[in-house]
Amino acid sequence: MALVHLTVVPTANEAEIITALLRTEGIESEDRSTNLGSGFMDGMPGGGPREILVEKESLARAQELLAASKDT
């Protein structure tokens, strides 16, 4: 599975909301800490920006869903 960048969000909670939305639409996704978020809270989980990744084949649909969710 080749993952590509979809977006960066400021919190883990926001990342979870977006990945849950994508999953309900059948789009595999995951989030990870960005370089800026790495080391945030000295190794404790949570905190810092999160990058959301999706399968390359699903990128266009994921972008549409993300745009539509920001419109509401």
N, C-alpha and C. Protein backbone atom coordinates (compact mmCIF):
# COMPACT_ATOMS: atom_id res chain seq x y z
N MET A 1 0.84 -1.17 0.00
CA MET A 1 0.00 0.00 0.00
C MET A 1 0.89 1.24 0.00
N ALA A 2 0.79 2.04 -1.04
CA ALA A 2 1.56 3.27 -1.14
C ALA A 2 0.75 4.41 -0.55
N LEU A 3 1.25 5.00 0.54
CA LEU A 3 0.55 6.10 1.18
C LEU A 3 1.12 7.43 0.73
N VAL A 4 0.22 8.41 0.59
CA VAL A 4 0.62 9.76 0.20
C VAL A 4 0.00 10.76 1.16
N HIS A 5 0.57 11.95 1.20
CA HIS A 5 0.14 13.03 2.08
C HIS A 5 -1.22 13.56 1.66
N LEU A 6 -2.13 13.67 2.62
CA LEU A 6 -3.43 14.32 2.38
C LEU A 6 -3.45 15.70 3.02
N THR A 7 -3.14 15.77 4.30
CA THR A 7 -3.17 17.06 5.01
C THR A 7 -2.45 16.95 6.34
N VAL A 8 -2.25 18.07 6.98
CA VAL A 8 -1.71 18.13 8.34
C VAL A 8 -2.74 18.85 9.20
N VAL A 9 -3.01 18.30 10.37
CA VAL A 9 -3.95 18.91 11.31
C VAL A 9 -3.24 19.18 12.62
N PRO A 10 -3.74 20.12 13.42
CA PRO A 10 -3.00 20.52 14.62
C PRO A 10 -3.06 19.55 15.80
N THR A 11 -4.06 18.66 15.83
CA THR A 11 -4.19 17.79 17.01
C THR A 11 -4.50 16.35 16.62
N ALA A 12 -4.23 15.44 17.55
CA ALA A 12 -4.56 14.03 17.36
C ALA A 12 -6.07 13.83 17.29
N ASN A 13 -6.83 14.61 18.04
CA ASN A 13 -8.30 14.49 18.00
C ASN A 13 -8.84 14.82 16.62
N GLU A 14 -8.34 15.88 16.02
CA GLU A 14 -8.79 16.24 14.68
C GLU A 14 -8.38 15.17 13.67
N ALA A 15 -7.20 14.62 13.83
CA ALA A 15 -6.74 13.54 12.95
C ALA A 15 -7.66 12.34 13.05
N GLU A 16 -8.09 12.00 14.26
CA GLU A 16 -8.98 10.86 14.45
C GLU A 16 -10.33 11.10 13.78
N ILE A 17 -10.84 12.30 13.87
CA ILE A 17 -12.12 12.63 13.23
C ILE A 17 -12.02 12.46 11.71
N ILE A 18 -10.95 12.98 11.14
CA ILE A 18 -10.78 12.90 9.68
C ILE A 18 -10.56 11.46 9.23
N THR A 19 -9.72 10.72 9.94
CA THR A 19 -9.49 9.33 9.52
C THR A 19 -10.76 8.50 9.69
N ALA A 20 -11.58 8.80 10.70
CA ALA A 20 -12.86 8.10 10.86
C ALA A 20 -13.80 8.42 9.69
N LEU A 21 -13.84 9.67 9.27
CA LEU A 21 -14.65 10.05 8.11
C LEU A 21 -14.19 9.29 6.87
N LEU A 22 -12.90 9.24 6.66
CA LEU A 22 -12.36 8.54 5.50
C LEU A 22 -12.70 7.05 5.54
N ARG A 23 -12.58 6.45 6.71
CA ARG A 23 -12.91 5.02 6.85
C ARG A 23 -14.38 4.75 6.54
N THR A 24 -15.28 5.65 6.94
CA THR A 24 -16.70 5.44 6.65
C THR A 24 -16.96 5.46 5.15
N GLU A 25 -16.07 6.08 4.40
CA GLU A 25 -16.19 6.13 2.95
C GLU A 25 -15.35 5.06 2.26
N GLY A 26 -14.77 4.15 3.06
CA GLY A 26 -13.99 3.05 2.50
C GLY A 26 -12.57 3.40 2.10
N ILE A 27 -12.07 4.51 2.62
CA ILE A 27 -10.71 4.95 2.28
C ILE A 27 -9.78 4.62 3.44
N GLU A 28 -8.79 3.79 3.16
CA GLU A 28 -7.79 3.45 4.16
C GLU A 28 -6.91 4.66 4.42
N SER A 29 -6.68 4.95 5.69
CA SER A 29 -5.85 6.10 6.04
C SER A 29 -5.16 5.84 7.36
N GLU A 30 -4.17 6.65 7.64
CA GLU A 30 -3.50 6.61 8.93
C GLU A 30 -2.94 7.99 9.21
N ASP A 31 -2.63 8.22 10.47
CA ASP A 31 -2.00 9.50 10.81
C ASP A 31 -0.72 9.22 11.57
N ARG A 32 0.17 10.18 11.50
CA ARG A 32 1.45 10.06 12.20
C ARG A 32 1.90 11.45 12.63
N SER A 33 2.79 11.45 13.58
CA SER A 33 3.35 12.70 14.07
C SER A 33 4.18 13.35 12.97
N THR A 34 4.10 14.66 12.87
CA THR A 34 4.96 15.37 11.92
C THR A 34 6.33 15.57 12.56
N ASN A 35 7.27 16.07 11.80
CA ASN A 35 8.59 16.37 12.35
C ASN A 35 8.47 17.39 13.48
N LEU A 36 7.54 18.33 13.34
CA LEU A 36 7.33 19.33 14.37
C LEU A 36 6.76 18.70 15.63
N GLY A 37 5.87 17.71 15.46
CA GLY A 37 5.25 17.05 16.61
C GLY A 37 6.16 16.05 17.29
N SER A 38 7.13 15.53 16.57
CA SER A 38 8.04 14.55 17.17
C SER A 38 8.81 15.20 18.31
N GLY A 39 8.83 14.55 19.43
CA GLY A 39 9.52 15.09 20.60
C GLY A 39 8.64 15.98 21.44
N PHE A 40 7.48 16.35 20.93
CA PHE A 40 6.54 17.15 21.69
C PHE A 40 6.13 16.35 22.92
N MET A 41 6.14 16.92 24.07
CA MET A 41 5.80 16.28 25.35
C MET A 41 6.85 15.23 25.74
N ASP A 42 8.06 15.33 25.23
CA ASP A 42 9.18 14.47 25.62
C ASP A 42 8.87 12.99 25.65
N GLY A 43 8.34 12.48 24.56
CA GLY A 43 8.12 11.06 24.43
C GLY A 43 6.78 10.56 24.95
N MET A 44 6.03 11.41 25.58
CA MET A 44 4.70 11.02 26.02
C MET A 44 3.77 11.04 24.81
N PRO A 45 2.83 10.12 24.74
CA PRO A 45 1.94 10.09 23.58
C PRO A 45 1.04 11.32 23.53
N GLY A 46 0.66 11.67 22.31
CA GLY A 46 -0.27 12.78 22.11
C GLY A 46 0.46 14.08 21.86
N GLY A 47 -0.31 15.07 21.47
CA GLY A 47 0.22 16.40 21.27
C GLY A 47 0.91 16.60 19.94
N GLY A 48 0.86 17.80 19.48
CA GLY A 48 1.54 18.18 18.26
C GLY A 48 0.77 17.87 17.00
N PRO A 49 1.19 18.47 15.90
CA PRO A 49 0.53 18.27 14.61
C PRO A 49 0.60 16.83 14.14
N ARG A 50 -0.41 16.42 13.38
CA ARG A 50 -0.49 15.07 12.82
C ARG A 50 -0.64 15.17 11.31
N GLU A 51 0.09 14.33 10.60
CA GLU A 51 -0.03 14.22 9.14
C GLU A 51 -0.97 13.07 8.83
N ILE A 52 -1.90 13.30 7.92
CA ILE A 52 -2.83 12.25 7.52
C ILE A 52 -2.41 11.75 6.14
N LEU A 53 -2.31 10.42 6.05
CA LEU A 53 -1.90 9.76 4.82
C LEU A 53 -3.02 8.87 4.31
N VAL A 54 -3.15 8.78 2.98
CA VAL A 54 -4.14 7.90 2.36
C VAL A 54 -3.47 7.13 1.24
N GLU A 55 -4.15 6.08 0.77
CA GLU A 55 -3.63 5.34 -0.37
C GLU A 55 -3.64 6.26 -1.60
N LYS A 56 -2.61 6.14 -2.40
CA LYS A 56 -2.44 7.01 -3.57
C LYS A 56 -3.68 6.98 -4.47
N GLU A 57 -4.26 5.80 -4.65
CA GLU A 57 -5.42 5.65 -5.54
C GLU A 57 -6.65 6.37 -4.99
N SER A 58 -6.68 6.63 -3.71
CA SER A 58 -7.84 7.26 -3.06
C SER A 58 -7.64 8.75 -2.79
N LEU A 59 -6.52 9.31 -3.19
CA LEU A 59 -6.19 10.69 -2.84
C LEU A 59 -7.24 11.68 -3.33
N ALA A 60 -7.64 11.60 -4.58
CA ALA A 60 -8.60 12.57 -5.13
C ALA A 60 -9.92 12.53 -4.37
N ARG A 61 -10.43 11.34 -4.09
CA ARG A 61 -11.69 11.21 -3.36
C ARG A 61 -11.53 11.73 -1.93
N ALA A 62 -10.42 11.44 -1.30
CA ALA A 62 -10.16 11.91 0.06
C ALA A 62 -10.11 13.44 0.09
N GLN A 63 -9.50 14.06 -0.91
CA GLN A 63 -9.44 15.52 -0.99
C GLN A 63 -10.84 16.10 -1.13
N GLU A 64 -11.70 15.46 -1.93
CA GLU A 64 -13.08 15.91 -2.09
C GLU A 64 -13.82 15.85 -0.76
N LEU A 65 -13.68 14.74 -0.05
CA LEU A 65 -14.36 14.58 1.24
C LEU A 65 -13.88 15.60 2.25
N LEU A 66 -12.58 15.84 2.29
CA LEU A 66 -12.02 16.80 3.21
C LEU A 66 -12.53 18.21 2.90
N ALA A 67 -12.57 18.56 1.64
CA ALA A 67 -13.07 19.88 1.23
C ALA A 67 -14.54 20.03 1.60
N ALA A 68 -15.33 18.98 1.34
CA ALA A 68 -16.76 19.03 1.66
C ALA A 68 -16.99 19.15 3.17
N SER A 69 -16.14 18.50 3.97
CA SER A 69 -16.32 18.56 5.42
C SER A 69 -16.00 19.94 5.96
N LYS A 70 -15.14 20.67 5.29
CA LYS A 70 -14.79 22.03 5.72
C LYS A 70 -15.87 23.03 5.34
N ASP A 71 -16.69 22.68 4.35
CA ASP A 71 -17.76 23.56 3.91
C ASP A 71 -18.95 23.54 4.86
N THR A 72 -19.06 22.51 5.69
CA THR A 72 -20.23 22.40 6.57
C THR A 72 -19.98 23.01 7.92
